[in-house]
Amino acid sequence: VDGNIITQDFFPQEDVLELTEKFEGMGL
């Protein structure tokens, strides 16, 4: 709100790797 972050969440880094590897394995 008004440029001030109220809440922020990120994927765990290991999940990003798992997701990307899964997608790439399917050619997506």
mmCIF file of all heavy atoms, coordinates in Angstrom:
data_MODEL
# 
_entry.id   MODEL 
# 
loop_
_atom_site.group_PDB 
_atom_site.id 
_atom_site.type_symbol 
_atom_site.label_atom_id 
_atom_site.label_alt_id 
_atom_site.label_comp_id 
_atom_site.label_asym_id 
_atom_site.label_entity_id 
_atom_site.label_seq_id 
_atom_site.pdbx_PDB_ins_code 
_atom_site.Cartn_x 
_atom_site.Cartn_y 
_atom_site.Cartn_z 
_atom_site.occupancy 
_atom_site.B_iso_or_equiv 
_atom_site.pdbx_formal_charge 
_atom_site.auth_seq_id 
_atom_site.auth_comp_id 
_atom_site.auth_asym_id 
_atom_site.auth_atom_id 
_atom_site.pdbx_PDB_model_num 
ATOM 1   N N   . VAL A 1 1  ? 0.861  -1.180  0.000   1.00 0.00 ? 1  VAL A N   1 
ATOM 2   C CA  . VAL A 1 1  ? 0.000  0.000   0.000   1.00 0.00 ? 1  VAL A CA  1 
ATOM 3   C C   . VAL A 1 1  ? 0.897  1.230   0.000   1.00 0.00 ? 1  VAL A C   1 
ATOM 4   O O   . VAL A 1 1  ? 1.837  1.327   0.808   1.00 0.00 ? 1  VAL A O   1 
ATOM 5   C CB  . VAL A 1 1  ? -0.939 0.035   1.225   1.00 0.00 ? 1  VAL A CB  1 
ATOM 6   C CG1 . VAL A 1 1  ? -1.754 1.329   1.249   1.00 0.00 ? 1  VAL A CG1 1 
ATOM 7   C CG2 . VAL A 1 1  ? -1.883 -1.163  1.207   1.00 0.00 ? 1  VAL A CG2 1 
ATOM 8   N N   . ASP A 1 2  ? 0.617  2.138   -0.933  1.00 0.00 ? 2  ASP A N   1 
ATOM 9   C CA  . ASP A 1 2  ? 1.402  3.371   -1.060  1.00 0.00 ? 2  ASP A CA  1 
ATOM 10  C C   . ASP A 1 2  ? 2.894  3.086   -1.155  1.00 0.00 ? 2  ASP A C   1 
ATOM 11  O O   . ASP A 1 2  ? 3.734  3.814   -0.591  1.00 0.00 ? 2  ASP A O   1 
ATOM 12  C CB  . ASP A 1 2  ? 1.115  4.318   0.107   1.00 0.00 ? 2  ASP A CB  1 
ATOM 13  C CG  . ASP A 1 2  ? -0.330 4.787   0.132   1.00 0.00 ? 2  ASP A CG  1 
ATOM 14  O OD1 . ASP A 1 2  ? -0.936 4.905   -0.952  1.00 0.00 ? 2  ASP A OD1 1 
ATOM 15  O OD2 . ASP A 1 2  ? -0.868 5.018   1.236   1.00 0.00 ? 2  ASP A OD2 1 
ATOM 16  N N   . GLY A 1 3  ? 3.240  2.001   -1.855  1.00 0.00 ? 3  GLY A N   1 
ATOM 17  C CA  . GLY A 1 3  ? 4.635  1.664   -2.068  1.00 0.00 ? 3  GLY A CA  1 
ATOM 18  C C   . GLY A 1 3  ? 5.307  0.937   -0.923  1.00 0.00 ? 3  GLY A C   1 
ATOM 19  O O   . GLY A 1 3  ? 6.488  0.565   -1.029  1.00 0.00 ? 3  GLY A O   1 
ATOM 20  N N   . ASN A 1 4  ? 4.599  0.702   0.167   1.00 0.00 ? 4  ASN A N   1 
ATOM 21  C CA  . ASN A 1 4  ? 5.153  0.001   1.323   1.00 0.00 ? 4  ASN A CA  1 
ATOM 22  C C   . ASN A 1 4  ? 4.701  -1.458  1.318   1.00 0.00 ? 4  ASN A C   1 
ATOM 23  O O   . ASN A 1 4  ? 3.499  -1.734  1.276   1.00 0.00 ? 4  ASN A O   1 
ATOM 24  C CB  . ASN A 1 4  ? 4.715  0.679   2.616   1.00 0.00 ? 4  ASN A CB  1 
ATOM 25  C CG  . ASN A 1 4  ? 5.191  2.116   2.702   1.00 0.00 ? 4  ASN A CG  1 
ATOM 26  O OD1 . ASN A 1 4  ? 6.355  2.398   2.477   1.00 0.00 ? 4  ASN A OD1 1 
ATOM 27  N ND2 . ASN A 1 4  ? 4.270  3.028   3.021   1.00 0.00 ? 4  ASN A ND2 1 
ATOM 28  N N   . ILE A 1 5  ? 5.656  -2.382  1.367   1.00 0.00 ? 5  ILE A N   1 
ATOM 29  C CA  . ILE A 1 5  ? 5.340  -3.805  1.369   1.00 0.00 ? 5  ILE A CA  1 
ATOM 30  C C   . ILE A 1 5  ? 4.669  -4.199  2.683   1.00 0.00 ? 5  ILE A C   1 
ATOM 31  O O   . ILE A 1 5  ? 5.201  -3.934  3.764   1.00 0.00 ? 5  ILE A O   1 
ATOM 32  C CB  . ILE A 1 5  ? 6.601  -4.658  1.153   1.00 0.00 ? 5  ILE A CB  1 
ATOM 33  C CG1 . ILE A 1 5  ? 7.228  -4.367  -0.215  1.00 0.00 ? 5  ILE A CG1 1 
ATOM 34  C CG2 . ILE A 1 5  ? 6.283  -6.142  1.288   1.00 0.00 ? 5  ILE A CG2 1 
ATOM 35  C CD1 . ILE A 1 5  ? 6.400  -4.808  -1.394  1.00 0.00 ? 5  ILE A CD1 1 
ATOM 36  N N   . ILE A 1 6  ? 3.501  -4.821  2.578   1.00 0.00 ? 6  ILE A N   1 
ATOM 37  C CA  . ILE A 1 6  ? 2.769  -5.299  3.758   1.00 0.00 ? 6  ILE A CA  1 
ATOM 38  C C   . ILE A 1 6  ? 3.119  -6.766  4.015   1.00 0.00 ? 6  ILE A C   1 
ATOM 39  O O   . ILE A 1 6  ? 3.340  -7.191  5.149   1.00 0.00 ? 6  ILE A O   1 
ATOM 40  C CB  . ILE A 1 6  ? 1.248  -5.163  3.561   1.00 0.00 ? 6  ILE A CB  1 
ATOM 41  C CG1 . ILE A 1 6  ? 0.870  -3.728  3.177   1.00 0.00 ? 6  ILE A CG1 1 
ATOM 42  C CG2 . ILE A 1 6  ? 0.503  -5.608  4.813   1.00 0.00 ? 6  ILE A CG2 1 
ATOM 43  C CD1 . ILE A 1 6  ? 1.206  -2.682  4.209   1.00 0.00 ? 6  ILE A CD1 1 
ATOM 44  N N   . THR A 1 7  ? 3.172  -7.563  2.952   1.00 0.00 ? 7  THR A N   1 
ATOM 45  C CA  . THR A 1 7  ? 3.548  -8.971  3.067   1.00 0.00 ? 7  THR A CA  1 
ATOM 46  C C   . THR A 1 7  ? 4.189  -9.416  1.764   1.00 0.00 ? 7  THR A C   1 
ATOM 47  O O   . THR A 1 7  ? 3.874  -8.888  0.685   1.00 0.00 ? 7  THR A O   1 
ATOM 48  C CB  . THR A 1 7  ? 2.325  -9.854  3.393   1.00 0.00 ? 7  THR A CB  1 
ATOM 49  O OG1 . THR A 1 7  ? 2.736  -11.200 3.601   1.00 0.00 ? 7  THR A OG1 1 
ATOM 50  C CG2 . THR A 1 7  ? 1.290  -9.817  2.290   1.00 0.00 ? 7  THR A CG2 1 
ATOM 51  N N   . GLN A 1 8  ? 5.121  -10.367 1.856   1.00 0.00 ? 8  GLN A N   1 
ATOM 52  C CA  . GLN A 1 8  ? 5.811  -10.856 0.662   1.00 0.00 ? 8  GLN A CA  1 
ATOM 53  C C   . GLN A 1 8  ? 6.265  -12.292 0.912   1.00 0.00 ? 8  GLN A C   1 
ATOM 54  O O   . GLN A 1 8  ? 6.786  -12.606 1.976   1.00 0.00 ? 8  GLN A O   1 
ATOM 55  C CB  . GLN A 1 8  ? 7.020  -9.975  0.352   1.00 0.00 ? 8  GLN A CB  1 
ATOM 56  C CG  . GLN A 1 8  ? 7.717  -10.290 -0.938  1.00 0.00 ? 8  GLN A CG  1 
ATOM 57  C CD  . GLN A 1 8  ? 8.698  -9.201  -1.350  1.00 0.00 ? 8  GLN A CD  1 
ATOM 58  O OE1 . GLN A 1 8  ? 8.829  -8.910  -2.528  1.00 0.00 ? 8  GLN A OE1 1 
ATOM 59  N NE2 . GLN A 1 8  ? 9.378  -8.596  -0.393  1.00 0.00 ? 8  GLN A NE2 1 
ATOM 60  N N   . ASP A 1 9  ? 6.050  -13.158 -0.078  1.00 0.00 ? 9  ASP A N   1 
ATOM 61  C CA  . ASP A 1 9  ? 6.373  -14.573 0.076   1.00 0.00 ? 9  ASP A CA  1 
ATOM 62  C C   . ASP A 1 9  ? 7.106  -15.070 -1.170  1.00 0.00 ? 9  ASP A C   1 
ATOM 63  O O   . ASP A 1 9  ? 6.828  -14.624 -2.282  1.00 0.00 ? 9  ASP A O   1 
ATOM 64  C CB  . ASP A 1 9  ? 5.086  -15.383 0.283   1.00 0.00 ? 9  ASP A CB  1 
ATOM 65  C CG  . ASP A 1 9  ? 5.366  -16.827 0.627   1.00 0.00 ? 9  ASP A CG  1 
ATOM 66  O OD1 . ASP A 1 9  ? 5.579  -17.111 1.814   1.00 0.00 ? 9  ASP A OD1 1 
ATOM 67  O OD2 . ASP A 1 9  ? 5.375  -17.662 -0.296  1.00 0.00 ? 9  ASP A OD2 1 
ATOM 68  N N   . PHE A 1 10 ? 8.042  -16.004 -0.960  1.00 0.00 ? 10 PHE A N   1 
ATOM 69  C CA  . PHE A 1 10 ? 8.806  -16.564 -2.068  1.00 0.00 ? 10 PHE A CA  1 
ATOM 70  C C   . PHE A 1 10 ? 8.786  -18.086 -2.019  1.00 0.00 ? 10 PHE A C   1 
ATOM 71  O O   . PHE A 1 10 ? 8.650  -18.681 -0.951  1.00 0.00 ? 10 PHE A O   1 
ATOM 72  C CB  . PHE A 1 10 ? 10.269 -16.100 -2.007  1.00 0.00 ? 10 PHE A CB  1 
ATOM 73  C CG  . PHE A 1 10 ? 10.450 -14.617 -2.112  1.00 0.00 ? 10 PHE A CG  1 
ATOM 74  C CD1 . PHE A 1 10 ? 10.853 -13.876 -1.006  1.00 0.00 ? 10 PHE A CD1 1 
ATOM 75  C CD2 . PHE A 1 10 ? 10.230 -13.951 -3.307  1.00 0.00 ? 10 PHE A CD2 1 
ATOM 76  C CE1 . PHE A 1 10 ? 11.024 -12.507 -1.090  1.00 0.00 ? 10 PHE A CE1 1 
ATOM 77  C CE2 . PHE A 1 10 ? 10.407 -12.579 -3.406  1.00 0.00 ? 10 PHE A CE2 1 
ATOM 78  C CZ  . PHE A 1 10 ? 10.804 -11.851 -2.290  1.00 0.00 ? 10 PHE A CZ  1 
ATOM 79  N N   . PHE A 1 11 ? 8.941  -18.714 -3.187  1.00 0.00 ? 11 PHE A N   1 
ATOM 80  C CA  . PHE A 1 11 ? 9.123  -20.160 -3.250  1.00 0.00 ? 11 PHE A CA  1 
ATOM 81  C C   . PHE A 1 11 ? 10.471 -20.509 -2.606  1.00 0.00 ? 11 PHE A C   1 
ATOM 82  O O   . PHE A 1 11 ? 11.452 -19.775 -2.798  1.00 0.00 ? 11 PHE A O   1 
ATOM 83  C CB  . PHE A 1 11 ? 9.200  -20.655 -4.701  1.00 0.00 ? 11 PHE A CB  1 
ATOM 84  C CG  . PHE A 1 11 ? 7.937  -20.533 -5.513  1.00 0.00 ? 11 PHE A CG  1 
ATOM 85  C CD1 . PHE A 1 11 ? 6.833  -19.822 -5.067  1.00 0.00 ? 11 PHE A CD1 1 
ATOM 86  C CD2 . PHE A 1 11 ? 7.855  -21.140 -6.756  1.00 0.00 ? 11 PHE A CD2 1 
ATOM 87  C CE1 . PHE A 1 11 ? 5.687  -19.725 -5.840  1.00 0.00 ? 11 PHE A CE1 1 
ATOM 88  C CE2 . PHE A 1 11 ? 6.726  -21.054 -7.540  1.00 0.00 ? 11 PHE A CE2 1 
ATOM 89  C CZ  . PHE A 1 11 ? 5.631  -20.337 -7.083  1.00 0.00 ? 11 PHE A CZ  1 
ATOM 90  N N   . PRO A 1 12 ? 10.576 -21.629 -1.900  1.00 0.00 ? 12 PRO A N   1 
ATOM 91  C CA  . PRO A 1 12 ? 11.896 -22.111 -1.510  1.00 0.00 ? 12 PRO A CA  1 
ATOM 92  C C   . PRO A 1 12 ? 12.737 -22.362 -2.761  1.00 0.00 ? 12 PRO A C   1 
ATOM 93  O O   . PRO A 1 12 ? 12.231 -22.840 -3.776  1.00 0.00 ? 12 PRO A O   1 
ATOM 94  C CB  . PRO A 1 12 ? 11.593 -23.418 -0.770  1.00 0.00 ? 12 PRO A CB  1 
ATOM 95  C CG  . PRO A 1 12 ? 10.173 -23.277 -0.310  1.00 0.00 ? 12 PRO A CG  1 
ATOM 96  C CD  . PRO A 1 12 ? 9.489  -22.486 -1.389  1.00 0.00 ? 12 PRO A CD  1 
ATOM 97  N N   . GLN A 1 13 ? 14.025 -22.058 -2.672  1.00 0.00 ? 13 GLN A N   1 
ATOM 98  C CA  . GLN A 1 13 ? 14.891 -22.199 -3.841  1.00 0.00 ? 13 GLN A CA  1 
ATOM 99  C C   . GLN A 1 13 ? 14.915 -23.627 -4.383  1.00 0.00 ? 13 GLN A C   1 
ATOM 100 O O   . GLN A 1 13 ? 14.950 -23.846 -5.592  1.00 0.00 ? 13 GLN A O   1 
ATOM 101 C CB  . GLN A 1 13 ? 16.317 -21.748 -3.494  1.00 0.00 ? 13 GLN A CB  1 
ATOM 102 C CG  . GLN A 1 13 ? 16.453 -20.260 -3.166  1.00 0.00 ? 13 GLN A CG  1 
ATOM 103 C CD  . GLN A 1 13 ? 16.269 -19.368 -4.380  1.00 0.00 ? 13 GLN A CD  1 
ATOM 104 O OE1 . GLN A 1 13 ? 15.144 -19.199 -4.865  1.00 0.00 ? 13 GLN A OE1 1 
ATOM 105 N NE2 . GLN A 1 13 ? 17.345 -18.801 -4.867  1.00 0.00 ? 13 GLN A NE2 1 
ATOM 106 N N   . GLU A 1 14 ? 14.876 -24.613 -3.459  1.00 0.00 ? 14 GLU A N   1 
ATOM 107 C CA  . GLU A 1 14 ? 14.890 -25.997 -3.926  1.00 0.00 ? 14 GLU A CA  1 
ATOM 108 C C   . GLU A 1 14 ? 13.615 -26.344 -4.693  1.00 0.00 ? 14 GLU A C   1 
ATOM 109 O O   . GLU A 1 14 ? 13.630 -27.200 -5.594  1.00 0.00 ? 14 GLU A O   1 
ATOM 110 C CB  . GLU A 1 14 ? 15.090 -26.967 -2.756  1.00 0.00 ? 14 GLU A CB  1 
ATOM 111 C CG  . GLU A 1 14 ? 14.023 -26.915 -1.675  1.00 0.00 ? 14 GLU A CG  1 
ATOM 112 C CD  . GLU A 1 14 ? 14.332 -25.937 -0.558  1.00 0.00 ? 14 GLU A CD  1 
ATOM 113 O OE1 . GLU A 1 14 ? 15.124 -24.993 -0.783  1.00 0.00 ? 14 GLU A OE1 1 
ATOM 114 O OE2 . GLU A 1 14 ? 13.783 -26.131 0.551   1.00 0.00 ? 14 GLU A OE2 1 
ATOM 115 N N   . ASP A 1 15 ? 12.514 -25.681 -4.359  1.00 0.00 ? 15 ASP A N   1 
ATOM 116 C CA  . ASP A 1 15 ? 11.270 -25.914 -5.090  1.00 0.00 ? 15 ASP A CA  1 
ATOM 117 C C   . ASP A 1 15 ? 11.343 -25.326 -6.503  1.00 0.00 ? 15 ASP A C   1 
ATOM 118 O O   . ASP A 1 15 ? 10.803 -25.907 -7.458  1.00 0.00 ? 15 ASP A O   1 
ATOM 119 C CB  . ASP A 1 15 ? 10.086 -25.300 -4.348  1.00 0.00 ? 15 ASP A CB  1 
ATOM 120 C CG  . ASP A 1 15 ? 9.675  -26.105 -3.128  1.00 0.00 ? 15 ASP A CG  1 
ATOM 121 O OD1 . ASP A 1 15 ? 10.402 -27.050 -2.767  1.00 0.00 ? 15 ASP A OD1 1 
ATOM 122 O OD2 . ASP A 1 15 ? 8.620  -25.787 -2.534  1.00 0.00 ? 15 ASP A OD2 1 
ATOM 123 N N   . VAL A 1 16 ? 11.981 -24.157 -6.617  1.00 0.00 ? 16 VAL A N   1 
ATOM 124 C CA  . VAL A 1 16 ? 12.149 -23.555 -7.942  1.00 0.00 ? 16 VAL A CA  1 
ATOM 125 C C   . VAL A 1 16 ? 12.918 -24.513 -8.849  1.00 0.00 ? 16 VAL A C   1 
ATOM 126 O O   . VAL A 1 16 ? 12.544 -24.739 -10.003 1.00 0.00 ? 16 VAL A O   1 
ATOM 127 C CB  . VAL A 1 16 ? 12.881 -22.198 -7.854  1.00 0.00 ? 16 VAL A CB  1 
ATOM 128 C CG1 . VAL A 1 16 ? 13.097 -21.620 -9.258  1.00 0.00 ? 16 VAL A CG1 1 
ATOM 129 C CG2 . VAL A 1 16 ? 12.086 -21.215 -7.002  1.00 0.00 ? 16 VAL A CG2 1 
ATOM 130 N N   . LEU A 1 17 ? 13.978 -25.112 -8.300  1.00 0.00 ? 17 LEU A N   1 
ATOM 131 C CA  . LEU A 1 17 ? 14.756 -26.074 -9.083  1.00 0.00 ? 17 LEU A CA  1 
ATOM 132 C C   . LEU A 1 17 ? 13.927 -27.290 -9.456  1.00 0.00 ? 17 LEU A C   1 
ATOM 133 O O   . LEU A 1 17 ? 13.976 -27.770 -10.598 1.00 0.00 ? 17 LEU A O   1 
ATOM 134 C CB  . LEU A 1 17 ? 15.991 -26.507 -8.295  1.00 0.00 ? 17 LEU A CB  1 
ATOM 135 C CG  . LEU A 1 17 ? 17.174 -25.551 -8.308  1.00 0.00 ? 17 LEU A CG  1 
ATOM 136 C CD1 . LEU A 1 17 ? 18.252 -26.031 -7.357  1.00 0.00 ? 17 LEU A CD1 1 
ATOM 137 C CD2 . LEU A 1 17 ? 17.724 -25.396 -9.721  1.00 0.00 ? 17 LEU A CD2 1 
ATOM 138 N N   . GLU A 1 18 ? 13.136 -27.800 -8.502  1.00 0.00 ? 18 GLU A N   1 
ATOM 139 C CA  . GLU A 1 18 ? 12.317 -28.978 -8.785  1.00 0.00 ? 18 GLU A CA  1 
ATOM 140 C C   . GLU A 1 18 ? 11.271 -28.677 -9.857  1.00 0.00 ? 18 GLU A C   1 
ATOM 141 O O   . GLU A 1 18 ? 11.046 -29.477 -10.775 1.00 0.00 ? 18 GLU A O   1 
ATOM 142 C CB  . GLU A 1 18 ? 11.634 -29.470 -7.504  1.00 0.00 ? 18 GLU A CB  1 
ATOM 143 C CG  . GLU A 1 18 ? 10.815 -30.733 -7.713  1.00 0.00 ? 18 GLU A CG  1 
ATOM 144 C CD  . GLU A 1 18 ? 10.087 -31.203 -6.466  1.00 0.00 ? 18 GLU A CD  1 
ATOM 145 O OE1 . GLU A 1 18 ? 10.145 -30.496 -5.432  1.00 0.00 ? 18 GLU A OE1 1 
ATOM 146 O OE2 . GLU A 1 18 ? 9.441  -32.271 -6.530  1.00 0.00 ? 18 GLU A OE2 1 
ATOM 147 N N   . LEU A 1 19 ? 10.620 -27.531 -9.747  1.00 0.00 ? 19 LEU A N   1 
ATOM 148 C CA  . LEU A 1 19 ? 9.608  -27.143 -10.717 1.00 0.00 ? 19 LEU A CA  1 
ATOM 149 C C   . LEU A 1 19 ? 10.217 -26.973 -12.104 1.00 0.00 ? 19 LEU A C   1 
ATOM 150 O O   . LEU A 1 19 ? 9.683  -27.485 -13.102 1.00 0.00 ? 19 LEU A O   1 
ATOM 151 C CB  . LEU A 1 19 ? 8.920  -25.849 -10.281 1.00 0.00 ? 19 LEU A CB  1 
ATOM 152 C CG  . LEU A 1 19 ? 7.926  -25.978 -9.126  1.00 0.00 ? 19 LEU A CG  1 
ATOM 153 C CD1 . LEU A 1 19 ? 7.748  -24.648 -8.406  1.00 0.00 ? 19 LEU A CD1 1 
ATOM 154 C CD2 . LEU A 1 19 ? 6.571  -26.474 -9.616  1.00 0.00 ? 19 LEU A CD2 1 
ATOM 155 N N   . THR A 1 20 ? 11.322 -26.259 -12.184 1.00 0.00 ? 20 THR A N   1 
ATOM 156 C CA  . THR A 1 20 ? 11.927 -26.012 -13.492 1.00 0.00 ? 20 THR A CA  1 
ATOM 157 C C   . THR A 1 20 ? 12.424 -27.312 -14.124 1.00 0.00 ? 20 THR A C   1 
ATOM 158 O O   . THR A 1 20 ? 12.276 -27.518 -15.333 1.00 0.00 ? 20 THR A O   1 
ATOM 159 C CB  . THR A 1 20 ? 13.085 -25.004 -13.400 1.00 0.00 ? 20 THR A CB  1 
ATOM 160 O OG1 . THR A 1 20 ? 14.064 -25.472 -12.463 1.00 0.00 ? 20 THR A OG1 1 
ATOM 161 C CG2 . THR A 1 20 ? 12.580 -23.640 -12.959 1.00 0.00 ? 20 THR A CG2 1 
ATOM 162 N N   . GLU A 1 21 ? 13.000 -28.184 -13.319 1.00 0.00 ? 21 GLU A N   1 
ATOM 163 C CA  . GLU A 1 21 ? 13.466 -29.466 -13.864 1.00 0.00 ? 21 GLU A CA  1 
ATOM 164 C C   . GLU A 1 21 ? 12.297 -30.317 -14.361 1.00 0.00 ? 21 GLU A C   1 
ATOM 165 O O   . GLU A 1 21 ? 12.393 -30.986 -15.400 1.00 0.00 ? 21 GLU A O   1 
ATOM 166 C CB  . GLU A 1 21 ? 14.271 -30.209 -12.804 1.00 0.00 ? 21 GLU A CB  1 
ATOM 167 C CG  . GLU A 1 21 ? 15.640 -29.589 -12.550 1.00 0.00 ? 21 GLU A CG  1 
ATOM 168 C CD  . GLU A 1 21 ? 16.396 -30.265 -11.419 1.00 0.00 ? 21 GLU A CD  1 
ATOM 169 O OE1 . GLU A 1 21 ? 15.861 -31.242 -10.845 1.00 0.00 ? 21 GLU A OE1 1 
ATOM 170 O OE2 . GLU A 1 21 ? 17.513 -29.811 -11.113 1.00 0.00 ? 21 GLU A OE2 1 
ATOM 171 N N   . LYS A 1 22 ? 11.195 -30.283 -13.622 1.00 0.00 ? 22 LYS A N   1 
ATOM 172 C CA  . LYS A 1 22 ? 10.010 -31.033 -14.048 1.00 0.00 ? 22 LYS A CA  1 
ATOM 173 C C   . LYS A 1 22 ? 9.460  -30.476 -15.361 1.00 0.00 ? 22 LYS A C   1 
ATOM 174 O O   . LYS A 1 22 ? 9.131  -31.234 -16.285 1.00 0.00 ? 22 LYS A O   1 
ATOM 175 C CB  . LYS A 1 22 ? 8.938  -30.959 -12.949 1.00 0.00 ? 22 LYS A CB  1 
ATOM 176 C CG  . LYS A 1 22 ? 7.707  -31.807 -13.208 1.00 0.00 ? 22 LYS A CG  1 
ATOM 177 C CD  . LYS A 1 22 ? 7.999  -33.281 -13.103 1.00 0.00 ? 22 LYS A CD  1 
ATOM 178 C CE  . LYS A 1 22 ? 6.727  -34.123 -13.177 1.00 0.00 ? 22 LYS A CE  1 
ATOM 179 N NZ  . LYS A 1 22 ? 7.016  -35.571 -13.184 1.00 0.00 ? 22 LYS A NZ  1 
ATOM 180 N N   . PHE A 1 23 ? 9.349  -29.152 -15.445 1.00 0.00 ? 23 PHE A N   1 
ATOM 181 C CA  . PHE A 1 23 ? 8.836  -28.527 -16.664 1.00 0.00 ? 23 PHE A CA  1 
ATOM 182 C C   . PHE A 1 23 ? 9.745  -28.820 -17.854 1.00 0.00 ? 23 PHE A C   1 
ATOM 183 O O   . PHE A 1 23 ? 9.278  -29.151 -18.947 1.00 0.00 ? 23 PHE A O   1 
ATOM 184 C CB  . PHE A 1 23 ? 8.710  -27.014 -16.480 1.00 0.00 ? 23 PHE A CB  1 
ATOM 185 C CG  . PHE A 1 23 ? 7.726  -26.590 -15.414 1.00 0.00 ? 23 PHE A CG  1 
ATOM 186 C CD1 . PHE A 1 23 ? 7.797  -25.322 -14.848 1.00 0.00 ? 23 PHE A CD1 1 
ATOM 187 C CD2 . PHE A 1 23 ? 6.736  -27.446 -14.961 1.00 0.00 ? 23 PHE A CD2 1 
ATOM 188 C CE1 . PHE A 1 23 ? 6.900  -24.924 -13.880 1.00 0.00 ? 23 PHE A CE1 1 
ATOM 189 C CE2 . PHE A 1 23 ? 5.837  -27.067 -13.975 1.00 0.00 ? 23 PHE A CE2 1 
ATOM 190 C CZ  . PHE A 1 23 ? 5.926  -25.789 -13.437 1.00 0.00 ? 23 PHE A CZ  1 
ATOM 191 N N   . GLU A 1 24 ? 11.051 -28.700 -17.640 1.00 0.00 ? 24 GLU A N   1 
ATOM 192 C CA  . GLU A 1 24 ? 11.979 -28.931 -18.742 1.00 0.00 ? 24 GLU A CA  1 
ATOM 193 C C   . GLU A 1 24 ? 11.977 -30.391 -19.180 1.00 0.00 ? 24 GLU A C   1 
ATOM 194 O O   . GLU A 1 24 ? 12.123 -30.696 -20.366 1.00 0.00 ? 24 GLU A O   1 
ATOM 195 C CB  . GLU A 1 24 ? 13.385 -28.488 -18.341 1.00 0.00 ? 24 GLU A CB  1 
ATOM 196 C CG  . GLU A 1 24 ? 13.504 -26.978 -18.217 1.00 0.00 ? 24 GLU A CG  1 
ATOM 197 C CD  . GLU A 1 24 ? 14.935 -26.496 -18.118 1.00 0.00 ? 24 GLU A CD  1 
ATOM 198 O OE1 . GLU A 1 24 ? 15.848 -27.314 -18.340 1.00 0.00 ? 24 GLU A OE1 1 
ATOM 199 O OE2 . GLU A 1 24 ? 15.122 -25.301 -17.832 1.00 0.00 ? 24 GLU A OE2 1 
ATOM 200 N N   . GLY A 1 25 ? 11.782 -31.295 -18.203 1.00 0.00 ? 25 GLY A N   1 
ATOM 201 C CA  . GLY A 1 25 ? 11.693 -32.707 -18.550 1.00 0.00 ? 25 GLY A CA  1 
ATOM 202 C C   . GLY A 1 25 ? 10.502 -33.014 -19.437 1.00 0.00 ? 25 GLY A C   1 
ATOM 203 O O   . GLY A 1 25 ? 10.509 -33.991 -20.198 1.00 0.00 ? 25 GLY A O   1 
ATOM 204 N N   . MET A 1 26 ? 9.480  -32.161 -19.354 1.00 0.00 ? 26 MET A N   1 
ATOM 205 C CA  . MET A 1 26 ? 8.289  -32.329 -20.191 1.00 0.00 ? 26 MET A CA  1 
ATOM 206 C C   . MET A 1 26 ? 8.346  -31.452 -21.439 1.00 0.00 ? 26 MET A C   1 
ATOM 207 O O   . MET A 1 26 ? 7.402  -31.426 -22.230 1.00 0.00 ? 26 MET A O   1 
ATOM 208 C CB  . MET A 1 26 ? 7.033  -31.989 -19.362 1.00 0.00 ? 26 MET A CB  1 
ATOM 209 C CG  . MET A 1 26 ? 6.827  -32.901 -18.166 1.00 0.00 ? 26 MET A CG  1 
ATOM 210 S SD  . MET A 1 26 ? 5.477  -32.349 -17.068 1.00 0.00 ? 26 MET A SD  1 
ATOM 211 C CE  . MET A 1 26 ? 4.042  -32.619 -18.114 1.00 0.00 ? 26 MET A CE  1 
ATOM 212 N N   . GLY A 1 27 ? 9.438  -30.699 -21.587 1.00 0.00 ? 27 GLY A N   1 
ATOM 213 C CA  . GLY A 1 27 ? 9.587  -29.837 -22.763 1.00 0.00 ? 27 GLY A CA  1 
ATOM 214 C C   . GLY A 1 27 ? 8.700  -28.608 -22.734 1.00 0.00 ? 27 GLY A C   1 
ATOM 215 O O   . GLY A 1 27 ? 8.328  -28.087 -23.797 1.00 0.00 ? 27 GLY A O   1 
ATOM 216 N N   . LEU A 1 28 ? 8.374  -28.115 -21.528 1.00 0.00 ? 28 LEU A N   1 
ATOM 217 C CA  . LEU A 1 28 ? 7.461  -26.983 -21.385 1.00 0.00 ? 28 LEU A CA  1 
ATOM 218 C C   . LEU A 1 28 ? 8.221  -25.685 -21.101 1.00 0.00 ? 28 LEU A C   1 
ATOM 219 O O   . LEU A 1 28 ? 9.342  -25.711 -20.591 1.00 0.00 ? 28 LEU A O   1 
ATOM 220 C CB  . LEU A 1 28 ? 6.460  -27.261 -20.258 1.00 0.00 ? 28 LEU A CB  1 
ATOM 221 C CG  . LEU A 1 28 ? 5.673  -28.566 -20.366 1.00 0.00 ? 28 LEU A CG  1 
ATOM 222 C CD1 . LEU A 1 28 ? 4.693  -28.704 -19.208 1.00 0.00 ? 28 LEU A CD1 1 
ATOM 223 C CD2 . LEU A 1 28 ? 4.934  -28.655 -21.701 1.00 0.00 ? 28 LEU A CD2 1 
# 
